[in-house]
Amino acid sequence: MDVDNLIIGYFMLFLGILVGVIFYSEIRRKRFEPIPSEDHIFRCIECGYVYTDDADVDRSRCQQCGTINIPIQF
């Protein structure tokens, strides 16, 4: 066996193992990561209370003071 082929073989084996570990860690990260919520986030213009409401709601009433608010845009 040629030395060049041996070095290339070990290098390719190392790269294959590295790609496998990266792939495995990404799968584990996605499995344990929380699912993002589709709810809108609201902040009351009167009392400053921050709350969420359903995604299909354009305006929502504050639970603290009753003021109607629009969602916060990030």
PDB file of N, CA and C in Angstrom:
ATOM      1  N   MET A   1       0.848  -1.168   0.000  1.00  0.00           N
ATOM      2  CA  MET A   1       0.000   0.000   0.000  1.00  0.00           C
ATOM      3  C   MET A   1       0.899   1.237   0.000  1.00  0.00           C
ATOM      4  N   ASP A   2       0.550   2.193  -0.822  1.00  0.00           N
ATOM      5  CA  ASP A   2       1.321   3.422  -0.962  1.00  0.00           C
ATOM      6  C   ASP A   2       1.036   4.345   0.227  1.00  0.00           C
ATOM      7  N   VAL A   3       2.048   5.112   0.646  1.00  0.00           N
ATOM      8  CA  VAL A   3       1.914   6.026   1.784  1.00  0.00           C
ATOM      9  C   VAL A   3       0.889   7.122   1.476  1.00  0.00           C
ATOM     10  N   ASP A   4       0.892   7.643   0.248  1.00  0.00           N
ATOM     11  CA  ASP A   4      -0.070   8.684  -0.125  1.00  0.00           C
ATOM     12  C   ASP A   4      -1.513   8.188  -0.008  1.00  0.00           C
ATOM     13  N   ASN A   5      -1.764   6.982  -0.472  1.00  0.00           N
ATOM     14  CA  ASN A   5      -3.112   6.415  -0.371  1.00  0.00           C
ATOM     15  C   ASN A   5      -3.518   6.174   1.080  1.00  0.00           C
ATOM     16  N   LEU A   6      -2.563   5.783   1.898  1.00  0.00           N
ATOM     17  CA  LEU A   6      -2.838   5.558   3.314  1.00  0.00           C
ATOM     18  C   LEU A   6      -3.212   6.865   4.007  1.00  0.00           C
ATOM     19  N   ILE A   7      -2.492   7.939   3.729  1.00  0.00           N
ATOM     20  CA  ILE A   7      -2.790   9.250   4.315  1.00  0.00           C
ATOM     21  C   ILE A   7      -4.154   9.746   3.834  1.00  0.00           C
ATOM     22  N   ILE A   8      -4.418   9.617   2.553  1.00  0.00           N
ATOM     23  CA  ILE A   8      -5.711  10.050   2.011  1.00  0.00           C
ATOM     24  C   ILE A   8      -6.840   9.224   2.614  1.00  0.00           C
ATOM     25  N   GLY A   9      -6.632   7.927   2.786  1.00  0.00           N
ATOM     26  CA  GLY A   9      -7.645   7.061   3.386  1.00  0.00           C
ATOM     27  C   GLY A   9      -7.975   7.471   4.821  1.00  0.00           C
ATOM     28  N   TYR A  10      -6.941   7.708   5.639  1.00  0.00           N
ATOM     29  CA  TYR A  10      -7.170   8.143   7.007  1.00  0.00           C
ATOM     30  C   TYR A  10      -7.850   9.511   7.055  1.00  0.00           C
ATOM     31  N   PHE A  11      -7.458  10.405   6.173  1.00  0.00           N
ATOM     32  CA  PHE A  11      -8.060  11.737   6.105  1.00  0.00           C
ATOM     33  C   PHE A  11      -9.546  11.641   5.737  1.00  0.00           C
ATOM     34  N   MET A  12      -9.868  10.809   4.743  1.00  0.00           N
ATOM     35  CA  MET A  12     -11.265  10.642   4.341  1.00  0.00           C
ATOM     36  C   MET A  12     -12.079   9.976   5.459  1.00  0.00           C
ATOM     37  N   LEU A  13     -11.492   9.032   6.157  1.00  0.00           N
ATOM     38  CA  LEU A  13     -12.159   8.400   7.288  1.00  0.00           C
ATOM     39  C   LEU A  13     -12.443   9.424   8.388  1.00  0.00           C
ATOM     40  N   PHE A  14     -11.459  10.271   8.689  1.00  0.00           N
ATOM     41  CA  PHE A  14     -11.633  11.323   9.686  1.00  0.00           C
ATOM     42  C   PHE A  14     -12.741  12.290   9.274  1.00  0.00           C
ATOM     43  N   LEU A  15     -12.758  12.704   8.014  1.00  0.00           N
ATOM     44  CA  LEU A  15     -13.800  13.611   7.537  1.00  0.00           C
ATOM     45  C   LEU A  15     -15.179  12.956   7.600  1.00  0.00           C
ATOM     46  N   GLY A  16     -15.269  11.677   7.263  1.00  0.00           N
ATOM     47  CA  GLY A  16     -16.537  10.967   7.335  1.00  0.00           C
ATOM     48  C   GLY A  16     -17.073  10.892   8.760  1.00  0.00           C
ATOM     49  N   ILE A  17     -16.178  10.597   9.702  1.00  0.00           N
ATOM     50  CA  ILE A  17     -16.586  10.549  11.109  1.00  0.00           C
ATOM     51  C   ILE A  17     -17.011  11.932  11.579  1.00  0.00           C
ATOM     52  N   LEU A  18     -16.288  12.973  11.189  1.00  0.00           N
ATOM     53  CA  LEU A  18     -16.624  14.344  11.576  1.00  0.00           C
ATOM     54  C   LEU A  18     -17.992  14.762  11.036  1.00  0.00           C
ATOM     55  N   VAL A  19     -18.275  14.442   9.776  1.00  0.00           N
ATOM     56  CA  VAL A  19     -19.581  14.762   9.186  1.00  0.00           C
ATOM     57  C   VAL A  19     -20.683  13.984   9.897  1.00  0.00           C
ATOM     58  N   GLY A  20     -20.432  12.744  10.235  1.00  0.00           N
ATOM     59  CA  GLY A  20     -21.424  11.946  10.957  1.00  0.00           C
ATOM     60  C   GLY A  20     -21.727  12.513  12.338  1.00  0.00           C
ATOM     61  N   VAL A  21     -20.709  12.948  13.053  1.00  0.00           N
ATOM     62  CA  VAL A  21     -20.916  13.539  14.376  1.00  0.00           C
ATOM     63  C   VAL A  21     -21.691  14.850  14.264  1.00  0.00           C
ATOM     64  N   ILE A  22     -21.366  15.675  13.277  1.00  0.00           N
ATOM     65  CA  ILE A  22     -22.087  16.937  13.078  1.00  0.00           C
ATOM     66  C   ILE A  22     -23.544  16.667  12.731  1.00  0.00           C
ATOM     67  N   PHE A  23     -23.810  15.729  11.860  1.00  0.00           N
ATOM     68  CA  PHE A  23     -25.173  15.369  11.474  1.00  0.00           C
ATOM     69  C   PHE A  23     -25.958  14.870  12.683  1.00  0.00           C
ATOM     70  N   TYR A  24     -25.353  14.006  13.484  1.00  0.00           N
ATOM     71  CA  TYR A  24     -26.004  13.467  14.673  1.00  0.00           C
ATOM     72  C   TYR A  24     -26.311  14.562  15.685  1.00  0.00           C
ATOM     73  N   SER A  25     -25.375  15.488  15.899  1.00  0.00           N
ATOM     74  CA  SER A  25     -25.610  16.553  16.871  1.00  0.00           C
ATOM     75  C   SER A  25     -26.704  17.511  16.405  1.00  0.00           C
ATOM     76  N   GLU A  26     -26.819  17.759  15.105  1.00  0.00           N
ATOM     77  CA  GLU A  26     -27.888  18.613  14.588  1.00  0.00           C
ATOM     78  C   GLU A  26     -29.258  17.952  14.771  1.00  0.00           C
ATOM     79  N   ILE A  27     -29.332  16.656  14.561  1.00  0.00           N
ATOM     80  CA  ILE A  27     -30.594  15.941  14.762  1.00  0.00           C
ATOM     81  C   ILE A  27     -31.002  16.004  16.237  1.00  0.00           C
ATOM     82  N   ARG A  28     -30.058  15.796  17.138  1.00  0.00           N
ATOM     83  CA  ARG A  28     -30.367  15.861  18.567  1.00  0.00           C
ATOM     84  C   ARG A  28     -30.779  17.267  18.981  1.00  0.00           C
ATOM     85  N   ARG A  29     -30.125  18.300  18.455  1.00  0.00           N
ATOM     86  CA  ARG A  29     -30.449  19.677  18.796  1.00  0.00           C
ATOM     87  C   ARG A  29     -31.866  20.024  18.345  1.00  0.00           C
ATOM     88  N   LYS A  30     -32.238  19.624  17.147  1.00  0.00           N
ATOM     89  CA  LYS A  30     -33.576  19.920  16.636  1.00  0.00           C
ATOM     90  C   LYS A  30     -34.650  19.163  17.407  1.00  0.00           C
ATOM     91  N   ARG A  31     -34.333  17.984  17.875  1.00  0.00           N
ATOM     92  CA  ARG A  31     -35.323  17.180  18.602  1.00  0.00           C
ATOM     93  C   ARG A  31     -35.629  17.791  19.968  1.00  0.00           C
ATOM     94  N   PHE A  32     -34.644  18.389  20.631  1.00  0.00           N
ATOM     95  CA  PHE A  32     -34.829  18.928  21.970  1.00  0.00           C
ATOM     96  C   PHE A  32     -35.103  20.432  21.970  1.00  0.00           C
ATOM     97  N   GLU A  33     -35.041  21.075  20.835  1.00  0.00           N
ATOM     98  CA  GLU A  33     -35.294  22.508  20.753  1.00  0.00           C
ATOM     99  C   GLU A  33     -36.799  22.761  20.841  1.00  0.00           C
ATOM    100  N   PRO A  34     -37.212  23.787  21.583  1.00  0.00           N
ATOM    101  CA  PRO A  34     -38.654  24.044  21.678  1.00  0.00           C
ATOM    102  C   PRO A  34     -39.234  24.490  20.340  1.00  0.00           C
ATOM    103  N   ILE A  35     -40.482  24.135  20.109  1.00  0.00           N
ATOM    104  CA  ILE A  35     -41.171  24.505  18.878  1.00  0.00           C
ATOM    105  C   ILE A  35     -41.616  25.957  18.999  1.00  0.00           C
ATOM    106  N   PRO A  36     -41.278  26.803  18.031  1.00  0.00           N
ATOM    107  CA  PRO A  36     -41.678  28.209  18.131  1.00  0.00           C
ATOM    108  C   PRO A  36     -43.200  28.359  18.046  1.00  0.00           C
ATOM    109  N   SER A  37     -43.716  29.291  18.818  1.00  0.00           N
ATOM    110  CA  SER A  37     -45.151  29.537  18.861  1.00  0.00           C
ATOM    111  C   SER A  37     -45.545  30.482  17.727  1.00  0.00           C
ATOM    112  N   GLU A  38     -46.733  30.271  17.188  1.00  0.00           N
ATOM    113  CA  GLU A  38     -47.255  31.129  16.125  1.00  0.00           C
ATOM    114  C   GLU A  38     -48.043  32.312  16.685  1.00  0.00           C
ATOM    115  N   ASP A  39     -48.180  32.390  18.014  1.00  0.00           N
ATOM    116  CA  ASP A  39     -48.960  33.451  18.635  1.00  0.00           C
ATOM    117  C   ASP A  39     -48.310  34.820  18.423  1.00  0.00           C
ATOM    118  N   HIS A  40     -49.155  35.853  18.411  1.00  0.00           N
ATOM    119  CA  HIS A  40     -48.673  37.233  18.350  1.00  0.00           C
ATOM    120  C   HIS A  40     -48.348  37.707  19.763  1.00  0.00           C
ATOM    121  N   ILE A  41     -47.360  38.587  19.865  1.00  0.00           N
ATOM    122  CA  ILE A  41     -46.989  39.179  21.144  1.00  0.00           C
ATOM    123  C   ILE A  41     -47.526  40.600  21.177  1.00  0.00           C
ATOM    124  N   PHE A  42     -48.199  40.938  22.268  1.00  0.00           N
ATOM    125  CA  PHE A  42     -48.799  42.255  22.434  1.00  0.00           C
ATOM    126  C   PHE A  42     -48.189  42.943  23.645  1.00  0.00           C
ATOM    127  N   ARG A  43     -48.092  44.268  23.572  1.00  0.00           N
ATOM    128  CA  ARG A  43     -47.699  45.073  24.729  1.00  0.00           C
ATOM    129  C   ARG A  43     -48.719  46.188  24.866  1.00  0.00           C
ATOM    130  N   CYS A  44     -49.323  46.292  26.032  1.00  0.00           N
ATOM    131  CA  CYS A  44     -50.371  47.276  26.271  1.00  0.00           C
ATOM    132  C   CYS A  44     -49.786  48.676  26.284  1.00  0.00           C
ATOM    133  N   ILE A  45     -50.438  49.599  25.576  1.00  0.00           N
ATOM    134  CA  ILE A  45     -49.952  50.975  25.520  1.00  0.00           C
ATOM    135  C   ILE A  45     -50.316  51.761  26.782  1.00  0.00           C
ATOM    136  N   GLU A  46     -51.261  51.248  27.563  1.00  0.00           N
ATOM    137  CA  GLU A  46     -51.673  51.931  28.795  1.00  0.00           C
ATOM    138  C   GLU A  46     -50.866  51.461  30.005  1.00  0.00           C
ATOM    139  N   CYS A  47     -50.852  50.163  30.256  1.00  0.00           N
ATOM    140  CA  CYS A  47     -50.231  49.654  31.493  1.00  0.00           C
ATOM    141  C   CYS A  47     -48.882  48.969  31.252  1.00  0.00           C
ATOM    142  N   GLY A  48     -48.499  48.695  29.984  1.00  0.00           N
ATOM    143  CA  GLY A  48     -47.214  48.072  29.683  1.00  0.00           C
ATOM    144  C   GLY A  48     -47.191  46.565  29.838  1.00  0.00           C
ATOM    145  N   TYR A  49     -48.327  45.939  30.087  1.00  0.00           N
ATOM    146  CA  TYR A  49     -48.416  44.493  30.256  1.00  0.00           C
ATOM    147  C   TYR A  49     -48.109  43.796  28.928  1.00  0.00           C
ATOM    148  N   VAL A  50     -47.264  42.770  28.964  1.00  0.00           N
ATOM    149  CA  VAL A  50     -46.895  42.002  27.772  1.00  0.00           C
ATOM    150  C   VAL A  50     -47.615  40.660  27.827  1.00  0.00           C
ATOM    151  N   TYR A  51     -48.287  40.295  26.730  1.00  0.00           N
ATOM    152  CA  TYR A  51     -49.062  39.065  26.679  1.00  0.00           C
ATOM    153  C   TYR A  51     -49.114  38.537  25.248  1.00  0.00           C
ATOM    154  N   THR A  52     -49.580  37.311  25.084  1.00  0.00           N
ATOM    155  CA  THR A  52     -49.701  36.706  23.759  1.00  0.00           C
ATOM    156  C   THR A  52     -51.164  36.404  23.472  1.00  0.00           C
ATOM    157  N   ASP A  53     -51.455  36.303  22.175  1.00  0.00           N
ATOM    158  CA  ASP A  53     -52.795  35.921  21.737  1.00  0.00           C
ATOM    159  C   ASP A  53     -52.652  35.123  20.448  1.00  0.00           C
ATOM    160  N   ASP A  54     -53.730  34.533  19.986  1.00  0.00           N
ATOM    161  CA  ASP A  54     -53.700  33.673  18.805  1.00  0.00           C
ATOM    162  C   ASP A  54     -53.145  34.387  17.573  1.00  0.00           C
ATOM    163  N   ALA A  55     -52.647  33.608  16.635  1.00  0.00           N
ATOM    164  CA  ALA A  55     -52.041  34.159  15.421  1.00  0.00           C
ATOM    165  C   ALA A  55     -53.074  34.781  14.492  1.00  0.00           C
ATOM    166  N   ASP A  56     -54.323  34.369  14.587  1.00  0.00           N
ATOM    167  CA  ASP A  56     -55.349  34.907  13.688  1.00  0.00           C
ATOM    168  C   ASP A  56     -55.993  36.199  14.209  1.00  0.00           C
ATOM    169  N   VAL A  57     -55.501  36.727  15.327  1.00  0.00           N
ATOM    170  CA  VAL A  57     -56.050  37.946  15.925  1.00  0.00           C
ATOM    171  C   VAL A  57     -55.180  39.136  15.523  1.00  0.00           C
ATOM    172  N   ASP A  58     -55.808  40.188  14.940  1.00  0.00           N
ATOM    173  CA  ASP A  58     -55.068  41.393  14.557  1.00  0.00           C
ATOM    174  C   ASP A  58     -54.922  42.360  15.723  1.00  0.00           C
ATOM    175  N   ARG A  59     -55.946  42.461  16.544  1.00  0.00           N
ATOM    176  CA  ARG A  59     -55.901  43.307  17.739  1.00  0.00           C
ATOM    177  C   ARG A  59     -56.441  42.511  18.913  1.00  0.00           C
ATOM    178  N   SER A  60     -55.896  42.794  20.090  1.00  0.00           N
ATOM    179  CA  SER A  60     -56.277  42.008  21.260  1.00  0.00           C
ATOM    180  C   SER A  60     -56.505  42.924  22.456  1.00  0.00           C
ATOM    181  N   ARG A  61     -57.411  42.507  23.330  1.00  0.00           N
ATOM    182  CA  ARG A  61     -57.719  43.273  24.530  1.00  0.00           C
ATOM    183  C   ARG A  61     -56.777  42.860  25.662  1.00  0.00           C
ATOM    184  N   CYS A  62     -56.196  43.854  26.340  1.00  0.00           N
ATOM    185  CA  CYS A  62     -55.282  43.616  27.462  1.00  0.00           C
ATOM    186  C   CYS A  62     -56.044  42.966  28.610  1.00  0.00           C
ATOM    187  N   GLN A  63     -55.458  41.944  29.250  1.00  0.00           N
ATOM    188  CA  GLN A  63     -56.111  41.259  30.359  1.00  0.00           C
ATOM    189  C   GLN A  63     -56.069  42.082  31.644  1.00  0.00           C
ATOM    190  N   GLN A  64     -55.148  43.053  31.715  1.00  0.00           N
ATOM    191  CA  GLN A  64     -55.012  43.854  32.934  1.00  0.00           C
ATOM    192  C   GLN A  64     -55.963  45.042  32.955  1.00  0.00           C
ATOM    193  N   CYS A  65     -55.985  45.829  31.847  1.00  0.00           N
ATOM    194  CA  CYS A  65     -56.759  47.066  31.875  1.00  0.00           C
ATOM    195  C   CYS A  65     -57.861  47.138  30.816  1.00  0.00           C
ATOM    196  N   GLY A  66     -57.876  46.228  29.843  1.00  0.00           N
ATOM    197  CA  GLY A  66     -58.942  46.190  28.847  1.00  0.00           C
ATOM    198  C   GLY A  66     -58.700  47.020  27.602  1.00  0.00           C
ATOM    199  N   THR A  67     -57.545  47.635  27.445  1.00  0.00           N
ATOM    200  CA  THR A  67     -57.224  48.428  26.264  1.00  0.00           C
ATOM    201  C   THR A  67     -56.960  47.509  25.074  1.00  0.00           C
ATOM    202  N   ILE A  68     -57.420  47.918  23.893  1.00  0.00           N
ATOM    203  CA  ILE A  68     -57.188  47.128  22.684  1.00  0.00           C
ATOM    204  C   ILE A  68     -55.831  47.523  22.095  1.00  0.00           C
ATOM    205  N   ASN A  69     -55.003  46.532  21.779  1.00  0.00           N
ATOM    206  CA  ASN A  69     -53.621  46.755  21.326  1.00  0.00           C
ATOM    207  C   ASN A  69     -53.365  46.015  20.022  1.00  0.00           C
ATOM    208  N   ILE A  70     -52.325  46.473  19.307  1.00  0.00           N
ATOM    209  CA  ILE A  70     -51.863  45.803  18.093  1.00  0.00           C
ATOM    210  C   ILE A  70     -50.605  45.006  18.433  1.00  0.00           C
ATOM    211  N   PRO A  71     -50.294  43.959  17.664  1.00  0.00           N
ATOM    212  CA  PRO A  71     -49.113  43.131  17.995  1.00  0.00           C
ATOM    213  C   PRO A  71     -47.809  43.889  17.784  1.00  0.00           C
ATOM    214  N   ILE A  72     -46.798  43.478  18.527  1.00  0.00           N
ATOM    215  CA  ILE A  72     -45.448  44.030  18.411  1.00  0.00           C
ATOM    216  C   ILE A  72     -44.802  43.420  17.168  1.00  0.00           C
ATOM    217  N   GLN A  73     -44.168  44.236  16.348  1.00  0.00           N
ATOM    218  CA  GLN A  73     -43.423  43.750  15.181  1.00  0.00           C
ATOM    219  C   GLN A  73     -41.938  43.768  15.505  1.00  0.00           C
ATOM    220  N   PHE A  74     -41.274  42.639  15.388  1.00  0.00           N
ATOM    221  CA  PHE A  74     -39.826  42.553  15.629  1.00  0.00           C
ATOM    222  C   PHE A  74     -39.092  42.714  14.346  1.00  0.00           C
TER     223      PHE A  74
END
